[in-house]
All heavy atoms as atom14 arrays in JSON, in Angstrom:
{
  "sequence": "PIPVLVAGGPATGGSVVDHARTAMAVGCAGLAVGRRVF",
  "atom14_mask": [
    [1, 1, 1, 1, 1, 1, 1, 0, 0, 0, 0, 0, 0, 0],
    [1, 1, 1, 1, 1, 1, 1, 1, 0, 0, 0, 0, 0, 0],
    [1, 1, 1, 1, 1, 1, 1, 0, 0, 0, 0, 0, 0, 0],
    [1, 1, 1, 1, 1, 1, 1, 0, 0, 0, 0, 0, 0, 0],
    [1, 1, 1, 1, 1, 1, 1, 1, 0, 0, 0, 0, 0, 0],
    [1, 1, 1, 1, 1, 1, 1, 0, 0, 0, 0, 0, 0, 0],
    [1, 1, 1, 1, 1, 0, 0, 0, 0, 0, 0, 0, 0, 0],
    [1, 1, 1, 1, 0, 0, 0, 0, 0, 0, 0, 0, 0, 0],
    [1, 1, 1, 1, 0, 0, 0, 0, 0, 0, 0, 0, 0, 0],
    [1, 1, 1, 1, 1, 1, 1, 0, 0, 0, 0, 0, 0, 0],
    [1, 1, 1, 1, 1, 0, 0, 0, 0, 0, 0, 0, 0, 0],
    [1, 1, 1, 1, 1, 1, 1, 0, 0, 0, 0, 0, 0, 0],
    [1, 1, 1, 1, 0, 0, 0, 0, 0, 0, 0, 0, 0, 0],
    [1, 1, 1, 1, 0, 0, 0, 0, 0, 0, 0, 0, 0, 0],
    [1, 1, 1, 1, 1, 1, 0, 0, 0, 0, 0, 0, 0, 0],
    [1, 1, 1, 1, 1, 1, 1, 0, 0, 0, 0, 0, 0, 0],
    [1, 1, 1, 1, 1, 1, 1, 0, 0, 0, 0, 0, 0, 0],
    [1, 1, 1, 1, 1, 1, 1, 1, 0, 0, 0, 0, 0, 0],
    [1, 1, 1, 1, 1, 1, 1, 1, 1, 1, 0, 0, 0, 0],
    [1, 1, 1, 1, 1, 0, 0, 0, 0, 0, 0, 0, 0, 0],
    [1, 1, 1, 1, 1, 1, 1, 1, 1, 1, 1, 0, 0, 0],
    [1, 1, 1, 1, 1, 1, 1, 0, 0, 0, 0, 0, 0, 0],
    [1, 1, 1, 1, 1, 0, 0, 0, 0, 0, 0, 0, 0, 0],
    [1, 1, 1, 1, 1, 1, 1, 1, 0, 0, 0, 0, 0, 0],
    [1, 1, 1, 1, 1, 0, 0, 0, 0, 0, 0, 0, 0, 0],
    [1, 1, 1, 1, 1, 1, 1, 0, 0, 0, 0, 0, 0, 0],
    [1, 1, 1, 1, 0, 0, 0, 0, 0, 0, 0, 0, 0, 0],
    [1, 1, 1, 1, 1, 1, 0, 0, 0, 0, 0, 0, 0, 0],
    [1, 1, 1, 1, 1, 0, 0, 0, 0, 0, 0, 0, 0, 0],
    [1, 1, 1, 1, 0, 0, 0, 0, 0, 0, 0, 0, 0, 0],
    [1, 1, 1, 1, 1, 1, 1, 1, 0, 0, 0, 0, 0, 0],
    [1, 1, 1, 1, 1, 0, 0, 0, 0, 0, 0, 0, 0, 0],
    [1, 1, 1, 1, 1, 1, 1, 0, 0, 0, 0, 0, 0, 0],
    [1, 1, 1, 1, 0, 0, 0, 0, 0, 0, 0, 0, 0, 0],
    [1, 1, 1, 1, 1, 1, 1, 1, 1, 1, 1, 0, 0, 0],
    [1, 1, 1, 1, 1, 1, 1, 1, 1, 1, 1, 0, 0, 0],
    [1, 1, 1, 1, 1, 1, 1, 0, 0, 0, 0, 0, 0, 0],
    [1, 1, 1, 1, 1, 1, 1, 1, 1, 1, 1, 0, 0, 0]
  ],
  "atom14_positions": [
    [[120.88, 97.87, 91.44], [121.59, 97.2, 92.48], [122.6, 97.99, 93.29], [123.3, 97.55, 94.14], [122.22, 96.01, 91.96], [122.51, 96.41, 90.49], [121.39, 97.38, 90.09], [0.0, 0.0, 0.0], [0.0, 0.0, 0.0], [0.0, 0.0, 0.0], [0.0, 0.0, 0.0], [0.0, 0.0, 0.0], [0.0, 0.0, 0.0], [0.0, 0.0, 0.0]],
    [[122.82, 99.26, 92.96], [123.77, 100.05, 93.67], [122.95, 101.31, 94.31], [121.92, 101.65, 93.82], [124.98, 100.61, 92.87], [124.5, 101.49, 91.64], [125.73, 99.44, 92.25], [125.57, 102.12, 90.84], [0.0, 0.0, 0.0], [0.0, 0.0, 0.0], [0.0, 0.0, 0.0], [0.0, 0.0, 0.0], [0.0, 0.0, 0.0], [0.0, 0.0, 0.0]],
    [[123.53, 101.99, 95.26], [122.89, 103.11, 95.92], [122.55, 104.16, 94.91], [123.43, 104.52, 94.1], [123.78, 103.63, 97.0], [124.67, 102.44, 97.26], [124.83, 101.71, 96.04], [0.0, 0.0, 0.0], [0.0, 0.0, 0.0], [0.0, 0.0, 0.0], [0.0, 0.0, 0.0], [0.0, 0.0, 0.0], [0.0, 0.0, 0.0], [0.0, 0.0, 0.0]],
    [[121.29, 104.84, 94.99], [120.94, 105.78, 94.11], [120.8, 107.16, 94.89], [119.99, 107.09, 95.85], [119.56, 105.61, 93.3], [119.12, 106.72, 92.56], [119.67, 104.28, 92.56], [0.0, 0.0, 0.0], [0.0, 0.0, 0.0], [0.0, 0.0, 0.0], [0.0, 0.0, 0.0], [0.0, 0.0, 0.0], [0.0, 0.0, 0.0], [0.0, 0.0, 0.0]],
    [[121.52, 108.11, 94.52], [121.43, 109.45, 95.16], [120.77, 110.41, 94.18], [120.85, 110.27, 93.02], [122.75, 110.02, 95.51], [123.46, 109.53, 96.78], [123.69, 108.06, 96.75], [124.81, 110.23, 96.9], [0.0, 0.0, 0.0], [0.0, 0.0, 0.0], [0.0, 0.0, 0.0], [0.0, 0.0, 0.0], [0.0, 0.0, 0.0], [0.0, 0.0, 0.0]],
    [[120.1, 111.41, 94.66], [119.42, 112.36, 93.76], [120.04, 113.82, 94.08], [120.53, 114.12, 95.19], [117.89, 112.47, 94.0], [117.29, 111.03, 93.64], [117.48, 112.79, 95.47], [0.0, 0.0, 0.0], [0.0, 0.0, 0.0], [0.0, 0.0, 0.0], [0.0, 0.0, 0.0], [0.0, 0.0, 0.0], [0.0, 0.0, 0.0], [0.0, 0.0, 0.0]],
    [[120.05, 114.53, 92.92], [120.58, 115.86, 93.05], [119.64, 116.72, 93.75], [118.45, 116.38, 93.9], [120.72, 116.38, 91.56], [0.0, 0.0, 0.0], [0.0, 0.0, 0.0], [0.0, 0.0, 0.0], [0.0, 0.0, 0.0], [0.0, 0.0, 0.0], [0.0, 0.0, 0.0], [0.0, 0.0, 0.0], [0.0, 0.0, 0.0], [0.0, 0.0, 0.0]],
    [[120.07, 118.0, 94.17], [119.39, 118.75, 95.02], [118.26, 119.59, 94.32], [117.44, 120.25, 95.02], [0.0, 0.0, 0.0], [0.0, 0.0, 0.0], [0.0, 0.0, 0.0], [0.0, 0.0, 0.0], [0.0, 0.0, 0.0], [0.0, 0.0, 0.0], [0.0, 0.0, 0.0], [0.0, 0.0, 0.0], [0.0, 0.0, 0.0], [0.0, 0.0, 0.0]],
    [[118.29, 119.46, 93.05], [117.3, 120.18, 92.31], [117.64, 121.68, 91.97], [118.61, 122.25, 92.51], [0.0, 0.0, 0.0], [0.0, 0.0, 0.0], [0.0, 0.0, 0.0], [0.0, 0.0, 0.0], [0.0, 0.0, 0.0], [0.0, 0.0, 0.0], [0.0, 0.0, 0.0], [0.0, 0.0, 0.0], [0.0, 0.0, 0.0], [0.0, 0.0, 0.0]],
    [[116.94, 122.28, 91.07], [117.34, 123.61, 90.67], [116.94, 124.61, 91.92], [116.23, 124.43, 92.75], [116.3, 123.98, 89.6], [115.15, 123.05, 89.73], [115.74, 121.84, 90.38], [0.0, 0.0, 0.0], [0.0, 0.0, 0.0], [0.0, 0.0, 0.0], [0.0, 0.0, 0.0], [0.0, 0.0, 0.0], [0.0, 0.0, 0.0], [0.0, 0.0, 0.0]],
    [[117.75, 125.84, 91.82], [117.53, 126.82, 92.92], [116.21, 127.31, 92.95], [115.82, 127.73, 94.06], [118.62, 127.93, 92.71], [0.0, 0.0, 0.0], [0.0, 0.0, 0.0], [0.0, 0.0, 0.0], [0.0, 0.0, 0.0], [0.0, 0.0, 0.0], [0.0, 0.0, 0.0], [0.0, 0.0, 0.0], [0.0, 0.0, 0.0], [0.0, 0.0, 0.0]],
    [[115.42, 127.24, 91.95], [114.05, 127.83, 91.96], [113.02, 126.67, 92.08], [111.81, 126.88, 91.99], [113.8, 128.54, 90.67], [113.96, 127.58, 89.61], [114.71, 129.72, 90.52], [0.0, 0.0, 0.0], [0.0, 0.0, 0.0], [0.0, 0.0, 0.0], [0.0, 0.0, 0.0], [0.0, 0.0, 0.0], [0.0, 0.0, 0.0], [0.0, 0.0, 0.0]],
    [[113.52, 125.42, 92.55], [112.64, 124.35, 92.63], [111.93, 124.06, 93.94], [111.58, 122.95, 94.2], [0.0, 0.0, 0.0], [0.0, 0.0, 0.0], [0.0, 0.0, 0.0], [0.0, 0.0, 0.0], [0.0, 0.0, 0.0], [0.0, 0.0, 0.0], [0.0, 0.0, 0.0], [0.0, 0.0, 0.0], [0.0, 0.0, 0.0], [0.0, 0.0, 0.0]],
    [[111.74, 125.07, 94.76], [111.01, 124.82, 95.9], [112.03, 124.47, 97.16], [113.18, 124.64, 97.0], [0.0, 0.0, 0.0], [0.0, 0.0, 0.0], [0.0, 0.0, 0.0], [0.0, 0.0, 0.0], [0.0, 0.0, 0.0], [0.0, 0.0, 0.0], [0.0, 0.0, 0.0], [0.0, 0.0, 0.0], [0.0, 0.0, 0.0], [0.0, 0.0, 0.0]],
    [[111.4, 124.08, 98.17], [112.22, 123.71, 99.35], [113.16, 122.5, 99.18], [112.72, 121.46, 98.82], [111.23, 123.43, 100.61], [111.97, 122.88, 101.59], [0.0, 0.0, 0.0], [0.0, 0.0, 0.0], [0.0, 0.0, 0.0], [0.0, 0.0, 0.0], [0.0, 0.0, 0.0], [0.0, 0.0, 0.0], [0.0, 0.0, 0.0], [0.0, 0.0, 0.0]],
    [[114.41, 122.74, 99.46], [115.31, 121.6, 99.42], [115.18, 120.64, 100.54], [115.35, 119.45, 100.29], [116.8, 122.05, 99.35], [117.21, 122.76, 100.64], [117.71, 121.02, 99.01], [0.0, 0.0, 0.0], [0.0, 0.0, 0.0], [0.0, 0.0, 0.0], [0.0, 0.0, 0.0], [0.0, 0.0, 0.0], [0.0, 0.0, 0.0], [0.0, 0.0, 0.0]],
    [[114.62, 121.11, 101.66], [114.34, 120.22, 102.72], [113.16, 119.25, 102.36], [113.27, 118.05, 102.59], [114.11, 120.98, 104.02], [113.53, 120.05, 105.13], [115.32, 121.75, 104.5], [0.0, 0.0, 0.0], [0.0, 0.0, 0.0], [0.0, 0.0, 0.0], [0.0, 0.0, 0.0], [0.0, 0.0, 0.0], [0.0, 0.0, 0.0], [0.0, 0.0, 0.0]],
    [[112.14, 119.83, 101.7], [111.0, 118.98, 101.36], [111.48, 117.99, 100.21], [111.05, 116.88, 100.23], [109.87, 119.9, 100.73], [109.23, 120.65, 101.82], [109.32, 120.35, 103.08], [108.48, 121.62, 101.6], [0.0, 0.0, 0.0], [0.0, 0.0, 0.0], [0.0, 0.0, 0.0], [0.0, 0.0, 0.0], [0.0, 0.0, 0.0], [0.0, 0.0, 0.0]],
    [[112.33, 118.57, 99.35], [112.93, 117.64, 98.25], [113.55, 116.5, 98.93], [113.39, 115.3, 98.42], [113.85, 118.57, 97.42], [114.45, 117.76, 96.42], [113.95, 117.31, 95.22], [115.78, 117.25, 96.35], [114.73, 116.75, 94.39], [116.0, 116.68, 95.12], [0.0, 0.0, 0.0], [0.0, 0.0, 0.0], [0.0, 0.0, 0.0], [0.0, 0.0, 0.0]],
    [[114.37, 116.75, 99.98], [115.03, 115.67, 100.67], [114.27, 114.7, 101.25], [114.38, 113.45, 101.24], [116.03, 116.31, 101.74], [0.0, 0.0, 0.0], [0.0, 0.0, 0.0], [0.0, 0.0, 0.0], [0.0, 0.0, 0.0], [0.0, 0.0, 0.0], [0.0, 0.0, 0.0], [0.0, 0.0, 0.0], [0.0, 0.0, 0.0], [0.0, 0.0, 0.0]],
    [[113.19, 115.2, 102.0], [112.24, 114.34, 102.6], [111.56, 113.37, 101.6], [111.45, 112.14, 101.88], [111.26, 115.04, 103.38], [111.82, 115.71, 104.72], [110.77, 116.38, 105.55], [111.3, 116.9, 106.84], [111.12, 118.17, 107.01], [110.58, 119.03, 106.19], [111.73, 118.76, 108.17], [0.0, 0.0, 0.0], [0.0, 0.0, 0.0], [0.0, 0.0, 0.0]],
    [[111.3, 113.91, 100.51], [110.58, 113.11, 99.47], [111.5, 112.08, 98.98], [111.08, 110.9, 98.81], [110.12, 114.05, 98.4], [109.16, 114.96, 98.83], [109.49, 113.22, 97.13], [0.0, 0.0, 0.0], [0.0, 0.0, 0.0], [0.0, 0.0, 0.0], [0.0, 0.0, 0.0], [0.0, 0.0, 0.0], [0.0, 0.0, 0.0], [0.0, 0.0, 0.0]],
    [[112.76, 112.47, 98.65], [113.7, 111.48, 98.13], [113.98, 110.27, 99.02], [114.0, 109.23, 98.55], [114.99, 112.27, 97.8], [0.0, 0.0, 0.0], [0.0, 0.0, 0.0], [0.0, 0.0, 0.0], [0.0, 0.0, 0.0], [0.0, 0.0, 0.0], [0.0, 0.0, 0.0], [0.0, 0.0, 0.0], [0.0, 0.0, 0.0], [0.0, 0.0, 0.0]],
    [[114.13, 110.6, 100.33], [114.4, 109.55, 101.25], [113.09, 108.7, 101.44], [113.19, 107.51, 101.69], [114.95, 110.1, 102.55], [116.26, 111.0, 102.45], [117.59, 110.03, 101.59], [117.85, 108.62, 102.76], [0.0, 0.0, 0.0], [0.0, 0.0, 0.0], [0.0, 0.0, 0.0], [0.0, 0.0, 0.0], [0.0, 0.0, 0.0], [0.0, 0.0, 0.0]],
    [[111.9, 109.35, 101.4], [110.62, 108.62, 101.6], [110.45, 107.56, 100.5], [109.87, 106.61, 100.78], [109.56, 109.58, 101.74], [0.0, 0.0, 0.0], [0.0, 0.0, 0.0], [0.0, 0.0, 0.0], [0.0, 0.0, 0.0], [0.0, 0.0, 0.0], [0.0, 0.0, 0.0], [0.0, 0.0, 0.0], [0.0, 0.0, 0.0], [0.0, 0.0, 0.0]],
    [[110.99, 107.88, 99.35], [110.66, 106.89, 98.22], [111.74, 105.93, 98.07], [111.79, 105.17, 97.13], [110.4, 107.64, 96.85], [109.27, 108.5, 96.95], [111.63, 108.44, 96.49], [0.0, 0.0, 0.0], [0.0, 0.0, 0.0], [0.0, 0.0, 0.0], [0.0, 0.0, 0.0], [0.0, 0.0, 0.0], [0.0, 0.0, 0.0], [0.0, 0.0, 0.0]],
    [[112.7, 105.88, 99.0], [113.83, 104.95, 98.95], [115.27, 105.25, 98.45], [116.04, 104.38, 98.29], [0.0, 0.0, 0.0], [0.0, 0.0, 0.0], [0.0, 0.0, 0.0], [0.0, 0.0, 0.0], [0.0, 0.0, 0.0], [0.0, 0.0, 0.0], [0.0, 0.0, 0.0], [0.0, 0.0, 0.0], [0.0, 0.0, 0.0], [0.0, 0.0, 0.0]],
    [[115.44, 106.61, 98.2], [116.79, 106.92, 97.8], [117.83, 106.66, 98.85], [117.46, 106.69, 100.05], [116.82, 108.36, 97.26], [115.86, 108.79, 95.8], [0.0, 0.0, 0.0], [0.0, 0.0, 0.0], [0.0, 0.0, 0.0], [0.0, 0.0, 0.0], [0.0, 0.0, 0.0], [0.0, 0.0, 0.0], [0.0, 0.0, 0.0], [0.0, 0.0, 0.0]],
    [[119.07, 106.49, 98.52], [120.07, 106.25, 99.52], [120.67, 107.48, 100.02], [121.66, 107.48, 100.81], [121.18, 105.27, 98.91], [0.0, 0.0, 0.0], [0.0, 0.0, 0.0], [0.0, 0.0, 0.0], [0.0, 0.0, 0.0], [0.0, 0.0, 0.0], [0.0, 0.0, 0.0], [0.0, 0.0, 0.0], [0.0, 0.0, 0.0], [0.0, 0.0, 0.0]],
    [[120.43, 108.58, 99.39], [120.92, 109.8, 99.92], [120.68, 110.98, 98.84], [119.97, 110.78, 97.83], [0.0, 0.0, 0.0], [0.0, 0.0, 0.0], [0.0, 0.0, 0.0], [0.0, 0.0, 0.0], [0.0, 0.0, 0.0], [0.0, 0.0, 0.0], [0.0, 0.0, 0.0], [0.0, 0.0, 0.0], [0.0, 0.0, 0.0], [0.0, 0.0, 0.0]],
    [[121.56, 112.11, 99.03], [121.45, 113.18, 98.36], [122.79, 113.78, 97.93], [123.74, 113.46, 98.69], [120.73, 114.35, 99.11], [119.29, 114.04, 99.73], [118.99, 115.16, 100.76], [118.3, 114.0, 98.56], [0.0, 0.0, 0.0], [0.0, 0.0, 0.0], [0.0, 0.0, 0.0], [0.0, 0.0, 0.0], [0.0, 0.0, 0.0], [0.0, 0.0, 0.0]],
    [[122.81, 114.57, 96.92], [124.06, 115.23, 96.5], [123.59, 116.66, 96.24], [122.99, 116.99, 95.19], [124.76, 114.64, 95.21], [0.0, 0.0, 0.0], [0.0, 0.0, 0.0], [0.0, 0.0, 0.0], [0.0, 0.0, 0.0], [0.0, 0.0, 0.0], [0.0, 0.0, 0.0], [0.0, 0.0, 0.0], [0.0, 0.0, 0.0], [0.0, 0.0, 0.0]],
    [[123.85, 117.52, 97.25], [123.3, 118.92, 97.21], [124.48, 119.82, 97.23], [125.22, 119.84, 98.26], [122.32, 119.15, 98.32], [121.72, 120.57, 98.18], [121.24, 118.13, 98.34], [0.0, 0.0, 0.0], [0.0, 0.0, 0.0], [0.0, 0.0, 0.0], [0.0, 0.0, 0.0], [0.0, 0.0, 0.0], [0.0, 0.0, 0.0], [0.0, 0.0, 0.0]],
    [[124.66, 120.54, 96.07], [125.74, 121.56, 96.05], [125.3, 123.02, 96.12], [125.42, 123.65, 97.12], [0.0, 0.0, 0.0], [0.0, 0.0, 0.0], [0.0, 0.0, 0.0], [0.0, 0.0, 0.0], [0.0, 0.0, 0.0], [0.0, 0.0, 0.0], [0.0, 0.0, 0.0], [0.0, 0.0, 0.0], [0.0, 0.0, 0.0], [0.0, 0.0, 0.0]],
    [[124.75, 123.5, 95.07], [124.3, 124.92, 94.92], [123.31, 125.34, 96.01], [123.4, 126.39, 96.47], [123.75, 125.09, 93.51], [123.55, 126.58, 93.14], [122.82, 126.7, 91.77], [123.55, 125.94, 90.84], [124.57, 126.31, 90.11], [125.06, 127.46, 90.32], [125.11, 125.52, 89.21], [0.0, 0.0, 0.0], [0.0, 0.0, 0.0], [0.0, 0.0, 0.0]],
    [[122.36, 124.42, 96.33], [121.47, 124.79, 97.34], [122.05, 125.07, 98.71], [121.57, 125.63, 99.61], [120.32, 123.82, 97.41], [119.57, 123.42, 96.08], [118.77, 124.65, 95.61], [117.59, 124.73, 96.46], [116.51, 124.18, 96.26], [116.29, 123.33, 95.3], [115.38, 124.55, 97.06], [0.0, 0.0, 0.0], [0.0, 0.0, 0.0], [0.0, 0.0, 0.0]],
    [[123.29, 124.43, 98.93], [123.97, 124.52, 100.22], [124.9, 125.89, 100.11], [124.76, 126.67, 101.08], [124.92, 123.33, 100.5], [125.89, 123.6, 101.55], [124.0, 122.15, 100.85], [0.0, 0.0, 0.0], [0.0, 0.0, 0.0], [0.0, 0.0, 0.0], [0.0, 0.0, 0.0], [0.0, 0.0, 0.0], [0.0, 0.0, 0.0], [0.0, 0.0, 0.0]],
    [[125.71, 125.93, 99.17], [126.62, 127.06, 99.16], [125.92, 128.41, 98.89], [126.58, 129.54, 99.2], [127.92, 126.82, 98.3], [127.7, 126.72, 96.7], [127.43, 127.89, 96.07], [127.74, 125.6, 96.16], [127.27, 127.78, 94.64], [127.64, 125.46, 94.88], [127.36, 126.59, 94.05], [0.0, 0.0, 0.0], [0.0, 0.0, 0.0], [0.0, 0.0, 0.0]]
  ]
}
């Protein structure tokens, strides 16, 4: 019943953009992406 965010995934885990699109498409409320950003 509360918003679910997903982590950005491992640095070797493929495209973070594709990961983000997948997460939002399945209904996640957002992302928390750190290492893949910095």
